[in-house]
Amino acid sequence: MEFEADAENETCAHRRGRTGGSVVTIHIFTTGGTIDKVYFDANSTFEIGDSVLPELLSESNIQDGYVITELLRKDSLDMDQDDRARIHEAVQASEHRRMIITHGTDTMAQTAQVLKSVPDRTIVLTGAMQPARMRRTDAVFNIGFAWAAARLLPPGVYIAMNGEVFEAGAVRKNLQAQKFERVSGPR
């Protein structure tokens, strides 16, 4: 699903620069993950809900220069190779050269590795350790940080989380520390 914004519908999110100058458009793909989880108190469970990405962008004061496409609504632990192939195809088919992918943190590094074969694109994966709908979330910061990374980094595949940028193939999630960390080895 792709969204287009206009003055009457602020929940949609395709915006281009209004100044007449050239604005770099970032294509944002949503895939689900913790960033979009909703807590259902009656069931004491979390489920992936509608993306709050337009709200997060607005909170980050990002008003122009993006397109949002929803690809999936999955916890990354439920993603399989078909899902990663779908993400790969969407990234490759995009007319834009700079992209952000919101993704669950548990398998973000695996998806980043799959995307390394896409040439001439700056692809930044990001997410959140706490759902965006929660009061204490890292989602707003991570989205703003990923935005800056996508605009400034050269072509390649990166993970932008909690103030650090990691290259695909050289990162893993440390489950005990609840953070991403660099790993050495073949890229």
C-alpha atoms as a PDB file:
ATOM      1  CA  MET A   1       0.000   0.000   0.000  1.00  0.00           C
ATOM      2  CA  GLU A   2       1.450   3.387  -0.908  1.00  0.00           C
ATOM      3  CA  PHE A   3       0.249   6.604   0.668  1.00  0.00           C
ATOM      4  CA  GLU A   4      -0.025  10.057  -0.829  1.00  0.00           C
ATOM      5  CA  ALA A   5      -0.527  13.152   1.278  1.00  0.00           C
ATOM      6  CA  ASP A   6      -2.499  16.272   0.710  1.00  0.00           C
ATOM      7  CA  ALA A   7      -3.552  19.136   2.964  1.00  0.00           C
ATOM      8  CA  GLU A   8      -6.832  17.408   3.853  1.00  0.00           C
ATOM      9  CA  ASN A   9      -5.394  14.034   4.800  1.00  0.00           C
ATOM     10  CA  GLU A  10      -2.506  14.387   7.221  1.00  0.00           C
ATOM     11  CA  THR A  11      -2.382  10.656   8.021  1.00  0.00           C
ATOM     12  CA  CYS A  12      -1.068   9.853   4.572  1.00  0.00           C
ATOM     13  CA  ALA A  13       2.537  10.323   3.786  1.00  0.00           C
ATOM     14  CA  HIS A  14       3.776  11.061   0.290  1.00  0.00           C
ATOM     15  CA  ARG A  15       5.187  14.550   0.327  1.00  0.00           C
ATOM     16  CA  ARG A  16       7.497  16.331  -2.007  1.00  0.00           C
ATOM     17  CA  GLY A  17       9.170  19.656  -1.415  1.00  0.00           C
ATOM     18  CA  ARG A  18       6.843  22.608  -1.752  1.00  0.00           C
ATOM     19  CA  THR A  19       9.529  25.197  -2.396  1.00  0.00           C
ATOM     20  CA  GLY A  20      10.001  24.389  -6.051  1.00  0.00           C
ATOM     21  CA  GLY A  21      13.594  23.305  -5.440  1.00  0.00           C
ATOM     22  CA  SER A  22      14.791  19.780  -5.897  1.00  0.00           C
ATOM     23  CA  VAL A  23      14.156  17.667  -2.818  1.00  0.00           C
ATOM     24  CA  VAL A  24      15.711  14.262  -2.380  1.00  0.00           C
ATOM     25  CA  THR A  25      12.852  11.850  -1.918  1.00  0.00           C
ATOM     26  CA  ILE A  26      13.418   9.003   0.515  1.00  0.00           C
ATOM     27  CA  HIS A  27      11.347   5.890  -0.074  1.00  0.00           C
ATOM     28  CA  ILE A  28      10.314   4.435   3.283  1.00  0.00           C
ATOM     29  CA  PHE A  29       9.178   0.817   3.451  1.00  0.00           C
ATOM     30  CA  THR A  30       7.393  -0.490   6.548  1.00  0.00           C
ATOM     31  CA  THR A  31       7.569  -4.171   7.436  1.00  0.00           C
ATOM     32  CA  GLY A  32       6.181  -4.278  10.980  1.00  0.00           C
ATOM     33  CA  GLY A  33       8.312  -5.094  13.993  1.00  0.00           C
ATOM     34  CA  THR A  34       8.250  -3.667  17.496  1.00  0.00           C
ATOM     35  CA  ILE A  35       8.071  -0.093  16.213  1.00  0.00           C
ATOM     36  CA  ASP A  36       4.472  -0.752  15.073  1.00  0.00           C
ATOM     37  CA  LYS A  37       3.342  -3.054  17.889  1.00  0.00           C
ATOM     38  CA  VAL A  38       0.116  -2.405  19.782  1.00  0.00           C
ATOM     39  CA  TYR A  39      -0.497  -3.766  23.270  1.00  0.00           C
ATOM     40  CA  PHE A  40      -3.868  -5.434  23.838  1.00  0.00           C
ATOM     41  CA  ASP A  41      -4.392  -5.315  27.589  1.00  0.00           C
ATOM     42  CA  ALA A  42      -7.347  -7.716  27.634  1.00  0.00           C
ATOM     43  CA  ASN A  43      -5.185 -10.406  26.030  1.00  0.00           C
ATOM     44  CA  SER A  44      -1.844  -9.225  27.478  1.00  0.00           C
ATOM     45  CA  THR A  45      -0.361  -9.544  24.017  1.00  0.00           C
ATOM     46  CA  PHE A  46       1.334  -7.389  21.427  1.00  0.00           C
ATOM     47  CA  GLU A  47       0.313  -7.397  17.777  1.00  0.00           C
ATOM     48  CA  ILE A  48       1.519  -5.423  14.786  1.00  0.00           C
ATOM     49  CA  GLY A  49      -0.878  -2.531  14.157  1.00  0.00           C
ATOM     50  CA  ASP A  50      -1.173   0.275  11.632  1.00  0.00           C
ATOM     51  CA  SER A  51       2.120   2.039  11.140  1.00  0.00           C
ATOM     52  CA  VAL A  52       2.590   5.203  13.171  1.00  0.00           C
ATOM     53  CA  LEU A  53       5.391   6.300  10.864  1.00  0.00           C
ATOM     54  CA  PRO A  54       3.607   9.450   9.593  1.00  0.00           C
ATOM     55  CA  GLU A  55       3.253  10.587  13.220  1.00  0.00           C
ATOM     56  CA  LEU A  56       6.891   9.778  13.993  1.00  0.00           C
ATOM     57  CA  LEU A  57       8.074  11.749  10.972  1.00  0.00           C
ATOM     58  CA  SER A  58       5.926  14.681  12.020  1.00  0.00           C
ATOM     59  CA  GLU A  59       7.296  14.515  15.595  1.00  0.00           C
ATOM     60  CA  SER A  60      10.781  14.560  14.079  1.00  0.00           C
ATOM     61  CA  ASN A  61       9.749  17.679  12.119  1.00  0.00           C
ATOM     62  CA  ILE A  62      10.192  15.870   8.802  1.00  0.00           C
ATOM     63  CA  GLN A  63       7.513  17.361   6.594  1.00  0.00           C
ATOM     64  CA  ASP A  64       8.618  16.792   2.999  1.00  0.00           C
ATOM     65  CA  GLY A  65      10.571  14.511   0.721  1.00  0.00           C
ATOM     66  CA  TYR A  66       9.313  11.004   1.365  1.00  0.00           C
ATOM     67  CA  VAL A  67       7.103   8.208   0.086  1.00  0.00           C
ATOM     68  CA  ILE A  68       5.833   5.459   2.406  1.00  0.00           C
ATOM     69  CA  THR A  69       5.038   1.957   1.182  1.00  0.00           C
ATOM     70  CA  GLU A  70       3.723  -0.705   3.540  1.00  0.00           C
ATOM     71  CA  LEU A  71       5.203  -4.075   2.580  1.00  0.00           C
ATOM     72  CA  LEU A  72       4.478  -6.274   5.593  1.00  0.00           C
ATOM     73  CA  ARG A  73       2.997  -6.261   9.077  1.00  0.00           C
ATOM     74  CA  LYS A  74       5.109  -8.921  10.737  1.00  0.00           C
ATOM     75  CA  ASP A  75       7.258  -9.502  13.748  1.00  0.00           C
ATOM     76  CA  SER A  76      10.720 -10.024  12.295  1.00  0.00           C
ATOM     77  CA  LEU A  77      10.951 -13.420  14.007  1.00  0.00           C
ATOM     78  CA  ASP A  78       8.061 -14.493  11.756  1.00  0.00           C
ATOM     79  CA  MET A  79       9.775 -13.301   8.547  1.00  0.00           C
ATOM     80  CA  ASP A  80      11.004 -15.901   6.117  1.00  0.00           C
ATOM     81  CA  GLN A  81      13.049 -15.894   2.932  1.00  0.00           C
ATOM     82  CA  ASP A  82       9.949 -15.104   0.845  1.00  0.00           C
ATOM     83  CA  ASP A  83       9.384 -11.969   2.933  1.00  0.00           C
ATOM     84  CA  ARG A  84      13.022 -10.929   2.502  1.00  0.00           C
ATOM     85  CA  ALA A  85      12.741 -11.559  -1.241  1.00  0.00           C
ATOM     86  CA  ARG A  86       9.658  -9.303  -1.316  1.00  0.00           C
ATOM     87  CA  ILE A  87      11.584  -6.536   0.467  1.00  0.00           C
ATOM     88  CA  HIS A  88      14.514  -7.007  -1.931  1.00  0.00           C
ATOM     89  CA  GLU A  89      12.221  -6.774  -4.971  1.00  0.00           C
ATOM     90  CA  ALA A  90      10.501  -3.635  -3.660  1.00  0.00           C
ATOM     91  CA  VAL A  91      13.823  -1.907  -2.975  1.00  0.00           C
ATOM     92  CA  GLN A  92      15.155  -2.857  -6.390  1.00  0.00           C
ATOM     93  CA  ALA A  93      11.967  -1.678  -8.136  1.00  0.00           C
ATOM     94  CA  SER A  94      11.882   1.712  -6.398  1.00  0.00           C
ATOM     95  CA  GLU A  95      12.651   4.741  -8.544  1.00  0.00           C
ATOM     96  CA  HIS A  96      14.334   6.345  -5.533  1.00  0.00           C
ATOM     97  CA  ARG A  97      18.007   5.960  -4.604  1.00  0.00           C
ATOM     98  CA  ARG A  98      17.675   6.575  -0.856  1.00  0.00           C
ATOM     99  CA  MET A  99      15.560   4.338   1.367  1.00  0.00           C
ATOM    100  CA  ILE A 100      14.616   3.615   4.944  1.00  0.00           C
ATOM    101  CA  ILE A 101      13.127   0.288   5.983  1.00  0.00           C
ATOM    102  CA  THR A 102      11.386  -0.007   9.343  1.00  0.00           C
ATOM    103  CA  HIS A 103      11.979  -3.529  10.574  1.00  0.00           C
ATOM    104  CA  GLY A 104      11.863  -5.668  13.685  1.00  0.00           C
ATOM    105  CA  THR A 105      15.190  -5.681  15.464  1.00  0.00           C
ATOM    106  CA  ASP A 106      15.572  -9.443  15.995  1.00  0.00           C
ATOM    107  CA  THR A 107      16.305 -10.276  12.336  1.00  0.00           C
ATOM    108  CA  MET A 108      17.166  -6.825  10.979  1.00  0.00           C
ATOM    109  CA  ALA A 109      20.796  -7.852  10.384  1.00  0.00           C
ATOM    110  CA  GLN A 110      19.662 -10.838   8.266  1.00  0.00           C
ATOM    111  CA  THR A 111      17.502  -8.663   6.031  1.00  0.00           C
ATOM    112  CA  ALA A 112      20.324  -6.113   5.706  1.00  0.00           C
ATOM    113  CA  GLN A 113      22.611  -8.906   4.525  1.00  0.00           C
ATOM    114  CA  VAL A 114      20.080  -9.958   1.849  1.00  0.00           C
ATOM    115  CA  LEU A 115      19.869  -6.363   0.575  1.00  0.00           C
ATOM    116  CA  LYS A 116      23.642  -6.028   0.074  1.00  0.00           C
ATOM    117  CA  SER A 117      23.219  -7.247  -3.516  1.00  0.00           C
ATOM    118  CA  VAL A 118      21.159  -4.171  -4.482  1.00  0.00           C
ATOM    119  CA  PRO A 119      23.522  -1.747  -6.248  1.00  0.00           C
ATOM    120  CA  ASP A 120      23.601   2.068  -6.269  1.00  0.00           C
ATOM    121  CA  ARG A 121      21.193   2.609  -3.369  1.00  0.00           C
ATOM    122  CA  THR A 122      21.545   3.934   0.134  1.00  0.00           C
ATOM    123  CA  ILE A 123      19.414   1.611   2.247  1.00  0.00           C
ATOM    124  CA  VAL A 124      19.014   2.203   5.983  1.00  0.00           C
ATOM    125  CA  LEU A 125      17.168  -0.231   8.229  1.00  0.00           C
ATOM    126  CA  THR A 126      15.872   0.971  11.581  1.00  0.00           C
ATOM    127  CA  GLY A 127      13.335   0.030  14.217  1.00  0.00           C
ATOM    128  CA  ALA A 128      12.713   0.297  17.923  1.00  0.00           C
ATOM    129  CA  MET A 129      13.332  -1.696  21.075  1.00  0.00           C
ATOM    130  CA  GLN A 130      10.039  -0.386  22.520  1.00  0.00           C
ATOM    131  CA  PRO A 131       6.806   0.140  20.539  1.00  0.00           C
ATOM    132  CA  ALA A 132       6.352   3.668  19.175  1.00  0.00           C
ATOM    133  CA  ARG A 133       3.012   3.898  20.972  1.00  0.00           C
ATOM    134  CA  MET A 134       4.709   3.607  24.367  1.00  0.00           C
ATOM    135  CA  ARG A 135       5.764   6.647  26.349  1.00  0.00           C
ATOM    136  CA  ARG A 136       9.400   5.566  26.647  1.00  0.00           C
ATOM    137  CA  THR A 137      10.295   4.548  23.142  1.00  0.00           C
ATOM    138  CA  ASP A 138      13.405   4.984  21.058  1.00  0.00           C
ATOM    139  CA  ALA A 139      11.311   5.076  17.865  1.00  0.00           C
ATOM    140  CA  VAL A 140      11.240   8.854  17.289  1.00  0.00           C
ATOM    141  CA  PHE A 141      14.996   9.173  17.787  1.00  0.00           C
ATOM    142  CA  ASN A 142      15.758   6.164  15.574  1.00  0.00           C
ATOM    143  CA  ILE A 143      13.538   7.430  12.738  1.00  0.00           C
ATOM    144  CA  GLY A 144      15.169  10.871  12.832  1.00  0.00           C
ATOM    145  CA  PHE A 145      18.604   9.301  12.986  1.00  0.00           C
ATOM    146  CA  ALA A 146      17.813   6.936  10.092  1.00  0.00           C
ATOM    147  CA  TRP A 147      16.543   9.927   8.090  1.00  0.00           C
ATOM    148  CA  ALA A 148      19.868  11.728   8.516  1.00  0.00           C
ATOM    149  CA  ALA A 149      21.793   8.546   7.693  1.00  0.00           C
ATOM    150  CA  ALA A 150      19.763   7.914   4.533  1.00  0.00           C
ATOM    151  CA  ARG A 151      20.370  11.473   3.346  1.00  0.00           C
ATOM    152  CA  LEU A 152      24.097  11.563   4.106  1.00  0.00           C
ATOM    153  CA  LEU A 153      25.582   8.095   3.636  1.00  0.00           C
ATOM    154  CA  PRO A 154      27.018   6.824   0.336  1.00  0.00           C
ATOM    155  CA  PRO A 155      25.373   3.865  -1.433  1.00  0.00           C
ATOM    156  CA  GLY A 156      25.345   0.738   0.710  1.00  0.00           C
ATOM    157  CA  VAL A 157      23.211  -1.067   3.258  1.00  0.00           C
ATOM    158  CA  TYR A 158      23.230   0.094   6.858  1.00  0.00           C
ATOM    159  CA  ILE A 159      21.494  -0.363  10.193  1.00  0.00           C
ATOM    160  CA  ALA A 160      20.872   2.874  12.123  1.00  0.00           C
ATOM    161  CA  MET A 161      19.913   2.234  15.730  1.00  0.00           C
ATOM    162  CA  ASN A 162      20.347   4.232  18.923  1.00  0.00           C
ATOM    163  CA  GLY A 163      22.790   6.769  17.554  1.00  0.00           C
ATOM    164  CA  GLU A 164      25.075   4.371  15.696  1.00  0.00           C
ATOM    165  CA  VAL A 165      25.362   3.302  12.075  1.00  0.00           C
ATOM    166  CA  PHE A 166      26.486  -0.220  11.234  1.00  0.00           C
ATOM    167  CA  GLU A 167      27.307  -1.683   7.830  1.00  0.00           C
ATOM    168  CA  ALA A 168      25.367  -4.757   6.731  1.00  0.00           C
ATOM    169  CA  GLY A 169      27.383  -7.883   7.391  1.00  0.00           C
ATOM    170  CA  ALA A 170      29.282  -6.329  10.288  1.00  0.00           C
ATOM    171  CA  VAL A 171      26.536  -6.096  12.917  1.00  0.00           C
ATOM    172  CA  ARG A 172      24.476  -8.232  15.252  1.00  0.00           C
ATOM    173  CA  LYS A 173      21.862  -7.648  17.910  1.00  0.00           C
ATOM    174  CA  ASN A 174      23.080  -8.397  21.420  1.00  0.00           C
ATOM    175  CA  LEU A 175      19.898  -9.714  23.041  1.00  0.00           C
ATOM    176  CA  GLN A 176      21.195  -9.471  26.612  1.00  0.00           C
ATOM    177  CA  ALA A 177      22.408  -5.873  26.252  1.00  0.00           C
ATOM    178  CA  GLN A 178      19.400  -4.941  24.058  1.00  0.00           C
ATOM    179  CA  LYS A 179      21.595  -3.124  21.555  1.00  0.00           C
ATOM    180  CA  PHE A 180      23.344  -3.588  18.254  1.00  0.00           C
ATOM    181  CA  GLU A 181      27.084  -4.076  18.112  1.00  0.00           C
ATOM    182  CA  ARG A 182      29.793  -4.375  15.509  1.00  0.00           C
ATOM    183  CA  VAL A 183      31.210  -7.761  14.655  1.00  0.00           C
ATOM    184  CA  SER A 184      34.389  -8.466  12.768  1.00  0.00           C
ATOM    185  CA  GLY A 185      34.668 -10.913   9.953  1.00  0.00           C
ATOM    186  CA  PRO A 186      33.831 -11.169   6.276  1.00  0.00           C
ATOM    187  CA  ARG A 187      31.412  -8.648   4.915  1.00  0.00           C
END
